[in-house]
Amino acid sequence: MKIFFPVRRALLVTVCSLCAALPAVWTQAQEARMEAAFGRFLRKEAMRGASVSFMAREVRSGDVVYGYDAERRLTPASVVKTVTAAAALELLGGDFRFATAIRHDGHVRDGVLHGNLFICGSGDPTAGSSRTGAPRDSIPALWAEAVERAGIRRIDGRVIADESIFDTEGVSMKWLREDLGSGYGQGSYGVNLFDNMFRLYLSTGAEGATPSIVRCDPPVPALTFHNYLMSRRAATDSFYIAGAPYDERYLYGAVRAGLHRLEMEGDIPDPPLFAARYFCDLLKRRGVEIAGEPSCHRLLTEAGAWPEGERRTLVTTYSPALREIVRITNFFSCNMYADALVKTLGLRYRPGAGEAVSSFERGTRVVAAHWAAKGLDTGLLTLHDGSGLAAANRATAAFLCDMYVYMAGRSEAFAPFLESLPGAGVDGTVRTFLKGTALEGSRLKSGGMSGVRCYGGYIDRGGRRYAVALLVNHFTGSDAVVRAAIEELFLSLF
């Protein structure tokens, strides 16, 4: 099998051989057909200036059936989620569940809690999540019911979120500004609630007017919106919400005039504080009096007022099993879920003396070390998060294929890993990809950002299973055109 590198458009030059002979399942004619298909792909106008890394391996034998610049380091976008999910299943197990405990640090007498009530988080991304199918308030309701069962009708202290299991870097320092504040760029914290996301409803009004904000759901107290939107005569909307963690939110762009209801999604700037406020308000609606203002570990620590001492547990709630969490992560490309997983893996990392390492970096080091211990070459792998939203992430098709082959042939966690990958043309983020073709149902994770389109996973054909990885960066055509070209390529190769 040969690897090819483009010297200029429409020219492929053989530079090395991966093995002495093709696997028995591939004839020279098939190799020539694949080579020709890849040449057509690279010559497409939309691929001008693009960098491409590709590899396909037969899973049972491990043989490389085709490779193109397979060790080229490229941005893998959300295909990184397969790396995170596989490591989490291996290290934590499919039955792992996140736990959130409601505790207090005082004593209860005559219906009064003389002390504080704590939401003690372990990083669970699923509490009140719209992806789990449970009612939004189901988890906070369980917390409130436990308070009522304890006979607490008044709290002399306050409701406090303890998010200290992770640091305060909710988002990776390598994320782009355009992703900060968006409905897909939620931060991940020790305490999370409602996907750490709000929906903003607006009325756009007449052309040239500034759309008015109708409501925010759920309400986020004290959050300031700076509205720079403009209503225009247009067929489509182009808008976004921007803002850093713990900060205000800015609305930019143009929207269609005359809409009575327009919905935007953004991330909650301070999820732990939001959770404490929300739980506090819920308890008050149920008749519990609370003397102090809600707060969180970050704010109280900064003020030098963090309450130490023994705590008693009223109730502990649990997330769905990890196998379901990774399925949601990969099916819907949930960035917050993936980053919660990588930070949880980072709890296994033990910093050296005087070493300051963020929760993100601890997690990515654990992931890389795990795959290195399994014999995979991680020398060309660079990760800054678990979700793939960091544009500075780098991976190769060779590494991804090696991992997919390992998972299929050696991992006891392969079944939940495979089930976590959506079916092409069927569901998840690839529900329209390869739809109605012979490759419909292939298990593939997609990844995309500006100038990036990637796929990784498994294709079953002719009674054989193939691990595949394709990374395309810096293309000049539209994403739709490039995606169509990739569909054509996959159909030609397989």
Protein backbone atom coordinates (compact mmCIF):
# COMPACT_ATOMS: atom_id res chain seq x y z
CA MET A 1 0.00 0.00 0.00
CA LYS A 2 1.31 3.44 -0.87
CA ILE A 3 0.97 6.86 0.67
CA PHE A 4 0.69 9.83 -1.68
CA PHE A 5 1.41 13.52 -1.19
CA PRO A 6 0.17 16.29 -3.50
CA VAL A 7 3.06 18.21 -5.09
CA ARG A 8 0.69 20.52 -6.98
CA ARG A 9 -2.94 20.23 -8.00
CA ALA A 10 -3.73 17.29 -10.28
CA LEU A 11 -0.38 15.63 -9.55
CA LEU A 12 0.24 12.74 -7.15
CA VAL A 13 3.73 11.42 -6.51
CA THR A 14 4.48 8.16 -4.73
CA VAL A 15 6.93 8.80 -1.92
CA CYS A 16 6.88 5.67 0.22
CA SER A 17 5.33 2.25 0.69
CA LEU A 18 3.51 1.31 3.87
CA CYS A 19 3.92 -2.40 3.33
CA ALA A 20 5.43 -4.80 0.83
CA ALA A 21 2.15 -6.01 -0.62
CA LEU A 22 -1.50 -5.11 -0.54
CA PRO A 23 -3.75 -7.01 1.85
CA ALA A 24 -5.34 -10.01 0.19
CA VAL A 25 -8.74 -8.30 0.13
CA TRP A 26 -7.46 -5.54 -2.16
CA THR A 27 -6.35 -6.11 -5.76
CA GLN A 28 -4.08 -3.84 -7.74
CA ALA A 29 -7.12 -2.77 -9.74
CA GLN A 30 -8.87 -1.75 -6.54
CA GLU A 31 -5.81 0.18 -5.43
CA ALA A 32 -5.75 2.01 -8.74
CA ARG A 33 -9.44 2.81 -8.42
CA MET A 34 -8.94 4.24 -4.92
CA GLU A 35 -5.94 6.22 -6.08
CA ALA A 36 -7.94 7.68 -8.96
CA ALA A 37 -10.86 8.53 -6.64
CA PHE A 38 -8.56 10.39 -4.29
CA GLY A 39 -6.99 12.25 -7.19
CA ARG A 40 -10.42 13.42 -8.34
CA PHE A 41 -11.21 14.56 -4.81
CA LEU A 42 -8.04 16.63 -4.50
CA ARG A 43 -8.54 18.26 -7.92
CA LYS A 44 -11.95 19.67 -7.05
CA GLU A 45 -12.11 23.46 -7.11
CA ALA A 46 -13.37 23.59 -3.50
CA MET A 47 -10.21 21.78 -2.36
CA ARG A 48 -7.80 24.43 -3.62
CA GLY A 49 -5.17 25.03 -0.95
CA ALA A 50 -6.61 22.34 1.31
CA SER A 51 -4.61 20.04 3.58
CA VAL A 52 -5.86 16.47 3.76
CA SER A 53 -5.04 13.49 5.96
CA PHE A 54 -6.73 10.13 5.34
CA MET A 55 -6.39 6.53 6.36
CA ALA A 56 -8.51 3.40 6.11
CA ARG A 57 -7.60 0.15 7.87
CA GLU A 58 -9.27 -3.23 7.85
CA VAL A 59 -10.15 -3.80 11.50
CA ARG A 60 -9.67 -7.55 11.83
CA SER A 61 -6.21 -7.69 10.24
CA GLY A 62 -5.17 -4.14 11.04
CA ASP A 63 -3.91 -3.76 7.47
CA VAL A 64 -3.81 -0.31 5.91
CA VAL A 65 -5.91 -0.41 2.76
CA TYR A 66 -5.33 3.20 1.75
CA GLY A 67 -3.55 6.20 3.18
CA TYR A 68 -2.91 9.74 2.08
CA ASP A 69 -0.60 12.00 4.08
CA ALA A 70 -1.79 10.04 7.09
CA GLU A 71 0.66 11.63 9.52
CA ARG A 72 -0.22 15.21 8.61
CA ARG A 73 -1.14 17.13 11.81
CA LEU A 74 -4.48 18.84 11.23
CA THR A 75 -7.33 20.33 13.25
CA PRO A 76 -9.78 17.46 13.88
CA ALA A 77 -12.68 19.59 15.24
CA SER A 78 -15.37 17.47 16.96
CA VAL A 79 -13.81 14.17 15.91
CA VAL A 80 -11.77 14.79 19.09
CA LYS A 81 -14.90 13.69 20.96
CA THR A 82 -14.27 10.10 19.84
CA VAL A 83 -10.84 10.25 21.48
CA THR A 84 -12.31 11.61 24.72
CA ALA A 85 -15.26 9.22 24.76
CA ALA A 86 -13.14 6.14 24.12
CA ALA A 87 -10.69 7.08 26.88
CA ALA A 88 -13.54 7.79 29.31
CA LEU A 89 -15.17 4.41 28.64
CA GLU A 90 -11.84 2.65 29.11
CA LEU A 91 -10.81 4.46 32.29
CA LEU A 92 -14.15 5.09 34.00
CA GLY A 93 -16.27 2.23 32.66
CA GLY A 94 -19.68 2.34 31.03
CA ASP A 95 -21.48 2.16 34.38
CA PHE A 96 -19.81 5.25 35.83
CA ARG A 97 -22.21 7.95 37.03
CA PHE A 98 -21.63 11.53 38.17
CA ALA A 99 -22.92 12.31 41.66
CA THR A 100 -24.29 15.58 43.04
CA ALA A 101 -24.87 15.83 46.80
CA ILE A 102 -27.01 18.30 48.74
CA ARG A 103 -25.36 18.84 52.12
CA HIS A 104 -25.48 21.25 55.05
CA ASP A 105 -22.84 22.34 57.54
CA GLY A 106 -25.03 23.11 60.56
CA HIS A 107 -27.83 21.51 62.55
CA VAL A 108 -31.60 21.46 62.17
CA ARG A 109 -33.76 22.48 65.12
CA ASP A 110 -37.46 23.30 65.08
CA GLY A 111 -37.48 23.48 61.27
CA VAL A 112 -34.53 25.87 61.10
CA LEU A 113 -31.20 24.97 59.49
CA HIS A 114 -28.57 26.85 61.46
CA GLY A 115 -25.97 26.78 58.72
CA ASN A 116 -25.58 26.72 54.95
CA LEU A 117 -26.99 24.43 52.28
CA PHE A 118 -24.49 23.22 49.65
CA ILE A 119 -24.80 21.88 46.10
CA CYS A 120 -21.68 19.70 46.00
CA GLY A 121 -20.89 18.97 42.36
CA SER A 122 -18.69 16.41 40.64
CA GLY A 123 -18.92 17.97 37.19
CA ASP A 124 -22.16 16.26 36.08
CA PRO A 125 -23.11 17.79 32.69
CA THR A 126 -26.53 16.13 32.61
CA ALA A 127 -28.43 17.83 35.48
CA GLY A 128 -31.58 19.24 33.92
CA SER A 129 -30.13 18.62 30.45
CA SER A 130 -32.51 18.73 27.50
CA ARG A 131 -30.63 15.76 26.01
CA THR A 132 -31.54 13.18 28.66
CA GLY A 133 -35.30 13.18 28.14
CA ALA A 134 -36.03 13.94 31.81
CA PRO A 135 -38.13 17.00 32.77
CA ARG A 136 -35.93 20.06 33.19
CA ASP A 137 -36.69 20.54 36.89
CA SER A 138 -36.53 16.87 37.85
CA ILE A 139 -33.11 17.04 39.54
CA PRO A 140 -33.62 20.38 41.38
CA ALA A 141 -37.02 19.01 42.49
CA LEU A 142 -35.31 16.00 44.07
CA TRP A 143 -32.96 18.34 45.91
CA ALA A 144 -35.88 20.41 47.18
CA GLU A 145 -37.82 17.35 48.29
CA ALA A 146 -34.84 16.21 50.36
CA VAL A 147 -34.76 19.59 52.11
CA GLU A 148 -38.46 19.27 52.88
CA ARG A 149 -38.04 15.69 54.16
CA ALA A 150 -35.39 16.98 56.56
CA GLY A 151 -38.04 19.29 58.00
CA ILE A 152 -36.17 22.44 56.99
CA ARG A 153 -38.49 25.45 56.67
CA ARG A 154 -35.88 28.12 57.18
CA ILE A 155 -32.17 28.43 56.42
CA ASP A 156 -30.24 30.90 58.55
CA GLY A 157 -27.29 30.75 56.16
CA ARG A 158 -27.34 30.64 52.38
CA VAL A 159 -27.45 28.24 49.40
CA ILE A 160 -23.92 27.69 48.09
CA ALA A 161 -22.69 25.87 44.99
CA ASP A 162 -19.46 23.99 45.66
CA GLU A 163 -17.89 23.65 42.22
CA SER A 164 -14.36 23.28 43.57
CA ILE A 165 -13.75 19.85 42.03
CA PHE A 166 -12.57 21.74 38.90
CA ASP A 167 -10.83 25.08 38.52
CA THR A 168 -12.57 28.24 37.34
CA GLU A 169 -11.54 27.90 33.66
CA GLY A 170 -14.93 26.94 32.30
CA VAL A 171 -13.75 27.21 28.70
CA SER A 172 -10.40 26.38 27.14
CA MET A 173 -8.00 29.28 26.66
CA LYS A 174 -7.59 28.00 23.09
CA TRP A 175 -11.21 28.57 22.07
CA LEU A 176 -11.93 31.27 19.51
CA ARG A 177 -13.75 34.45 20.49
CA GLU A 178 -16.59 33.68 18.08
CA ASP A 179 -17.38 30.54 20.12
CA LEU A 180 -17.44 32.23 23.53
CA GLY A 181 -20.98 32.92 24.71
CA SER A 182 -22.63 30.82 22.02
CA GLY A 183 -25.26 28.15 22.55
CA TYR A 184 -22.76 25.45 21.58
CA GLY A 185 -19.77 26.94 23.44
CA GLN A 186 -20.95 26.39 27.01
CA GLY A 187 -18.32 26.14 29.68
CA SER A 188 -18.05 23.07 31.91
CA TYR A 189 -17.86 23.49 35.68
CA GLY A 190 -18.00 21.51 38.88
CA VAL A 191 -21.73 22.36 39.08
CA ASN A 192 -23.74 22.55 35.84
CA LEU A 193 -27.46 22.99 35.25
CA PHE A 194 -29.77 23.03 32.20
CA ASP A 195 -26.90 22.43 29.74
CA ASN A 196 -25.46 25.76 31.03
CA MET A 197 -27.56 27.37 28.31
CA PHE A 198 -30.33 29.94 28.04
CA ARG A 199 -32.71 30.78 25.21
CA LEU A 200 -33.34 34.39 24.42
CA TYR A 201 -36.63 35.30 22.76
CA LEU A 202 -36.88 38.51 20.73
CA SER A 203 -39.36 40.46 18.64
CA THR A 204 -37.60 41.94 15.61
CA GLY A 205 -39.94 44.81 14.71
CA ALA A 206 -39.69 47.03 11.66
CA GLU A 207 -36.78 47.24 9.23
CA GLY A 208 -33.94 49.29 10.68
CA ALA A 209 -35.14 48.86 14.26
CA THR A 210 -33.27 47.20 17.10
CA PRO A 211 -35.06 43.95 18.03
CA SER A 212 -36.49 43.93 21.54
CA ILE A 213 -35.71 41.22 24.08
CA VAL A 214 -38.95 39.58 25.23
CA ARG A 215 -37.64 37.10 27.79
CA CYS A 216 -34.76 34.85 28.78
CA ASP A 217 -35.44 31.19 29.59
CA PRO A 218 -34.41 30.24 32.18
CA PRO A 219 -34.08 33.69 33.72
CA VAL A 220 -30.44 34.52 34.50
CA PRO A 221 -30.45 37.13 37.30
CA ALA A 222 -28.13 40.13 36.93
CA LEU A 223 -27.07 39.16 33.39
CA THR A 224 -26.71 42.27 31.22
CA PHE A 225 -27.33 42.09 27.46
CA HIS A 226 -25.81 44.67 25.11
CA ASN A 227 -28.06 44.56 22.05
CA TYR A 228 -26.43 45.56 18.75
CA LEU A 229 -28.80 43.56 16.55
CA MET A 230 -30.50 45.20 13.55
CA SER A 231 -33.70 44.21 11.75
CA ARG A 232 -33.30 43.94 7.97
CA ARG A 233 -35.23 42.84 4.91
CA ALA A 234 -33.56 39.48 4.35
CA ALA A 235 -34.39 35.84 3.69
CA THR A 236 -32.23 34.53 6.53
CA ASP A 237 -30.83 35.61 9.89
CA SER A 238 -27.16 36.08 10.76
CA PHE A 239 -26.63 36.67 14.46
CA TYR A 240 -24.66 35.49 17.45
CA ILE A 241 -24.23 35.96 21.18
CA ALA A 242 -20.72 36.70 22.46
CA GLY A 243 -19.16 36.94 25.90
CA ALA A 244 -16.60 35.39 28.21
CA PRO A 245 -17.27 33.38 31.39
CA TYR A 246 -18.52 35.48 34.35
CA ASP A 247 -19.13 38.41 32.00
CA GLU A 248 -21.91 40.28 30.18
CA ARG A 249 -23.39 39.16 26.85
CA TYR A 250 -23.33 40.98 23.51
CA LEU A 251 -25.80 40.46 20.66
CA TYR A 252 -24.51 41.08 17.13
CA GLY A 253 -25.80 40.62 13.61
CA ALA A 254 -28.82 41.15 11.38
CA VAL A 255 -32.23 39.47 11.67
CA ARG A 256 -35.36 39.39 9.55
CA ALA A 257 -37.75 42.24 10.21
CA GLY A 258 -41.32 41.68 11.37
CA LEU A 259 -40.81 38.52 13.40
CA HIS A 260 -42.89 38.25 16.55
CA ARG A 261 -40.66 35.47 17.88
CA LEU A 262 -36.98 34.93 17.24
CA GLU A 263 -34.94 32.52 19.35
CA MET A 264 -31.23 32.75 20.15
CA GLU A 265 -29.17 30.41 22.32
CA GLY A 266 -26.31 31.43 24.56
CA ASP A 267 -24.28 30.01 27.43
CA ILE A 268 -24.90 30.92 31.06
CA PRO A 269 -21.86 32.98 32.17
CA ASP A 270 -21.57 31.54 35.72
CA PRO A 271 -23.35 28.16 35.96
CA PRO A 272 -22.44 27.39 39.62
CA LEU A 273 -23.80 30.74 40.82
CA PHE A 274 -26.81 30.33 38.54
CA ALA A 275 -27.50 26.87 40.03
CA ALA A 276 -27.31 28.26 43.57
CA ARG A 277 -29.69 31.08 42.69
CA TYR A 278 -32.10 28.78 40.89
CA PHE A 279 -32.20 26.28 43.75
CA CYS A 280 -32.60 29.10 46.26
CA ASP A 281 -35.58 30.49 44.30
CA LEU A 282 -37.10 27.01 44.00
CA LEU A 283 -36.92 26.50 47.75
CA LYS A 284 -38.49 29.90 48.37
CA ARG A 285 -41.36 29.05 46.01
CA ARG A 286 -41.89 25.93 48.11
CA GLY A 287 -42.12 28.01 51.26
CA VAL A 288 -38.57 27.76 52.62
CA GLU A 289 -37.21 31.02 54.01
CA ILE A 290 -33.53 31.72 53.32
CA ALA A 291 -31.68 34.50 55.12
CA GLY A 292 -28.52 34.85 53.03
CA GLU A 293 -27.90 35.50 49.36
CA PRO A 294 -26.93 32.51 47.18
CA SER A 295 -23.25 32.18 46.30
CA CYS A 296 -20.59 29.76 45.08
CA HIS A 297 -17.09 28.54 45.90
CA ARG A 298 -15.38 30.94 43.50
CA LEU A 299 -16.93 34.09 44.95
CA LEU A 300 -16.66 33.10 48.61
CA THR A 301 -13.05 32.01 48.21
CA GLU A 302 -12.17 35.30 46.54
CA ALA A 303 -13.78 37.09 49.48
CA GLY A 304 -11.92 34.93 52.02
CA ALA A 305 -15.24 33.72 53.38
CA TRP A 306 -15.41 30.07 52.30
CA PRO A 307 -17.11 28.09 55.11
CA GLU A 308 -15.06 25.10 56.20
CA GLY A 309 -16.32 22.34 58.43
CA GLU A 310 -18.12 19.02 58.45
CA ARG A 311 -21.13 18.58 56.18
CA ARG A 312 -24.07 16.19 56.34
CA THR A 313 -25.66 14.76 53.23
CA LEU A 314 -29.39 15.14 52.65
CA VAL A 315 -29.56 13.50 49.22
CA THR A 316 -27.31 12.42 46.36
CA THR A 317 -28.52 12.43 42.78
CA TYR A 318 -26.83 10.62 39.92
CA SER A 319 -26.36 11.13 36.21
CA PRO A 320 -27.24 8.55 33.57
CA ALA A 321 -24.59 5.89 33.03
CA LEU A 322 -21.47 6.91 31.14
CA ARG A 323 -22.41 4.75 28.15
CA GLU A 324 -25.47 6.97 27.70
CA ILE A 325 -23.46 10.15 28.28
CA VAL A 326 -20.95 9.29 25.55
CA ARG A 327 -23.82 8.38 23.20
CA ILE A 328 -25.33 11.83 23.72
CA THR A 329 -21.87 13.41 23.40
CA ASN A 330 -21.18 11.88 20.01
CA PHE A 331 -24.71 11.80 18.59
CA PHE A 332 -25.34 15.48 19.22
CA SER A 333 -21.72 16.68 19.43
CA CYS A 334 -22.25 18.14 22.91
CA ASN A 335 -19.16 20.18 23.72
CA MET A 336 -19.99 20.65 27.40
CA TYR A 337 -20.48 16.90 27.89
CA ALA A 338 -17.13 16.10 26.28
CA ASP A 339 -15.27 18.73 28.28
CA ALA A 340 -16.86 17.51 31.51
CA LEU A 341 -15.54 14.04 30.67
CA VAL A 342 -11.99 15.21 29.95
CA LYS A 343 -11.89 17.25 33.16
CA THR A 344 -13.16 14.25 35.11
CA LEU A 345 -10.36 12.14 33.65
CA GLY A 346 -8.00 14.91 34.72
CA LEU A 347 -8.77 14.18 38.37
CA ARG A 348 -6.46 11.19 37.94
CA TYR A 349 -3.52 13.45 37.18
CA ARG A 350 -1.16 14.25 40.05
CA PRO A 351 0.73 17.52 39.49
CA GLY A 352 4.35 17.69 40.50
CA ALA A 353 5.64 19.98 43.23
CA GLY A 354 4.91 23.57 42.32
CA GLU A 355 3.22 22.55 39.06
CA ALA A 356 0.18 24.65 38.09
CA VAL A 357 -1.96 22.70 35.63
CA SER A 358 -5.52 23.57 34.61
CA SER A 359 -8.38 21.09 34.73
CA PHE A 360 -8.38 21.00 30.93
CA GLU A 361 -4.65 20.28 30.70
CA ARG A 362 -4.79 17.60 33.39
CA GLY A 363 -7.50 15.86 31.41
CA THR A 364 -5.77 16.03 28.05
CA ARG A 365 -2.55 14.73 29.61
CA VAL A 366 -4.41 11.76 31.07
CA VAL A 367 -6.03 11.03 27.69
CA ALA A 368 -2.72 11.19 25.82
CA ALA A 369 -0.96 9.06 28.44
CA HIS A 370 -3.72 6.44 28.26
CA TRP A 371 -3.39 6.02 24.52
CA ALA A 372 0.39 5.98 24.71
CA ALA A 373 0.16 3.18 27.29
CA LYS A 374 -1.97 1.21 24.81
CA GLY A 375 0.83 1.38 22.27
CA LEU A 376 -0.56 4.19 20.12
CA ASP A 377 1.78 6.84 18.76
CA THR A 378 0.67 10.07 20.45
CA GLY A 379 3.76 12.04 19.40
CA LEU A 380 1.75 13.97 16.81
CA LEU A 381 -1.36 14.39 18.99
CA THR A 382 -2.04 17.77 20.63
CA LEU A 383 -5.21 18.33 22.67
CA HIS A 384 -6.38 21.44 24.51
CA ASP A 385 -9.91 20.27 25.36
CA GLY A 386 -12.13 17.22 25.16
CA SER A 387 -14.67 18.60 22.73
CA GLY A 388 -12.57 19.65 19.75
CA LEU A 389 -13.72 23.26 19.88
CA ALA A 390 -10.12 24.42 20.32
CA ALA A 391 -8.83 25.23 16.83
CA ALA A 392 -5.27 24.58 18.08
CA ASN A 393 -5.98 20.86 18.58
CA ARG A 394 -3.98 18.62 16.25
CA ALA A 395 -4.40 14.98 15.27
CA THR A 396 -3.55 12.71 12.37
CA ALA A 397 -5.65 10.23 10.43
CA ALA A 398 -3.09 7.57 11.36
CA PHE A 399 -3.57 8.10 15.11
CA LEU A 400 -7.36 8.11 14.83
CA CYS A 401 -7.38 4.92 12.76
CA ASP A 402 -5.00 3.26 15.22
CA MET A 403 -7.39 4.14 18.05
CA TYR A 404 -10.44 2.89 16.18
CA VAL A 405 -8.67 -0.40 15.37
CA TYR A 406 -7.63 -0.75 19.02
CA MET A 407 -11.18 -0.12 20.24
CA ALA A 408 -12.64 -2.65 17.81
CA GLY A 409 -10.08 -5.37 18.43
CA ARG A 410 -8.79 -5.00 21.99
CA SER A 411 -11.13 -2.87 24.09
CA GLU A 412 -13.82 -4.31 26.34
CA ALA A 413 -15.61 -0.97 25.91
CA PHE A 414 -16.05 -1.33 22.15
CA ALA A 415 -19.79 -2.05 22.23
CA PRO A 416 -20.79 1.21 23.99
CA PHE A 417 -18.19 3.11 21.97
CA LEU A 418 -19.60 1.86 18.66
CA GLU A 419 -23.14 2.56 19.83
CA SER A 420 -22.13 6.13 20.66
CA LEU A 421 -21.30 6.86 17.01
CA PRO A 422 -24.32 8.04 15.00
CA GLY A 423 -25.40 6.24 11.85
CA ALA A 424 -24.64 8.10 8.63
CA GLY A 425 -27.87 9.08 6.92
CA VAL A 426 -29.83 7.98 9.97
CA ASP A 427 -29.35 10.08 13.10
CA GLY A 428 -27.22 12.50 15.06
CA THR A 429 -25.06 15.11 13.34
CA VAL A 430 -24.58 12.84 10.28
CA ARG A 431 -28.28 12.16 9.68
CA THR A 432 -28.13 13.61 6.15
CA PHE A 433 -24.57 12.47 5.30
CA LEU A 434 -24.51 9.52 2.84
CA LYS A 435 -28.29 9.24 3.17
CA GLY A 436 -29.86 6.89 0.63
CA THR A 437 -26.49 5.45 -0.43
CA ALA A 438 -24.87 2.04 0.02
CA LEU A 439 -22.92 3.46 2.97
CA GLU A 440 -25.99 4.62 4.90
CA GLY A 441 -25.72 3.39 8.48
CA SER A 442 -21.93 3.66 8.66
CA ARG A 443 -20.90 4.66 12.18
CA LEU A 444 -19.20 8.03 11.81
CA LYS A 445 -18.52 11.08 13.95
CA SER A 446 -18.37 14.35 12.08
CA GLY A 447 -16.44 17.48 12.97
CA GLY A 448 -16.54 20.92 11.47
CA MET A 449 -15.60 24.55 11.98
CA SER A 450 -14.57 27.35 9.63
CA GLY A 451 -12.48 25.73 6.89
CA VAL A 452 -12.52 22.34 8.64
CA ARG A 453 -14.52 19.22 7.77
CA CYS A 454 -13.61 15.84 9.32
CA TYR A 455 -15.02 12.33 9.79
CA GLY A 456 -13.92 9.35 11.85
CA GLY A 457 -15.36 5.95 12.69
CA TYR A 458 -16.29 2.70 10.95
CA ILE A 459 -17.59 1.60 7.56
CA ASP A 460 -18.89 -1.96 7.06
CA ARG A 461 -18.74 -3.33 3.50
CA GLY A 462 -18.53 -6.82 2.01
CA GLY A 463 -18.55 -8.54 5.39
CA ARG A 464 -15.58 -6.51 6.60
CA ARG A 465 -15.26 -3.55 8.93
CA TYR A 466 -12.95 -0.65 8.16
CA ALA A 467 -11.67 2.04 10.51
CA VAL A 468 -11.59 5.34 8.64
CA ALA A 469 -10.42 8.86 9.39
CA LEU A 470 -10.51 11.85 7.07
CA LEU A 471 -9.31 15.33 8.10
CA VAL A 472 -9.74 18.23 5.67
CA ASN A 473 -8.48 21.70 6.61
CA HIS A 474 -8.16 25.05 4.80
CA PHE A 475 -10.55 24.32 1.94
CA THR A 476 -11.82 27.27 -0.08
CA GLY A 477 -15.28 26.05 -1.09
CA SER A 478 -18.45 26.08 0.98
CA ASP A 479 -18.91 23.48 3.66
CA ALA A 480 -21.85 21.97 1.74
CA VAL A 481 -19.79 21.57 -1.43
CA VAL A 482 -16.89 19.99 0.46
CA ARG A 483 -19.22 17.64 2.30
CA ALA A 484 -20.70 16.51 -1.02
CA ALA A 485 -17.19 15.90 -2.34
CA ILE A 486 -16.39 13.79 0.73
CA GLU A 487 -19.56 11.75 0.17
CA GLU A 488 -18.47 11.12 -3.42
CA LEU A 489 -14.99 10.15 -2.19
CA PHE A 490 -16.28 7.66 0.39
CA LEU A 491 -18.63 6.06 -2.13
CA SER A 492 -15.78 5.75 -4.63
CA LEU A 493 -13.38 4.25 -2.07
CA PHE A 494 -15.82 1.79 -0.55
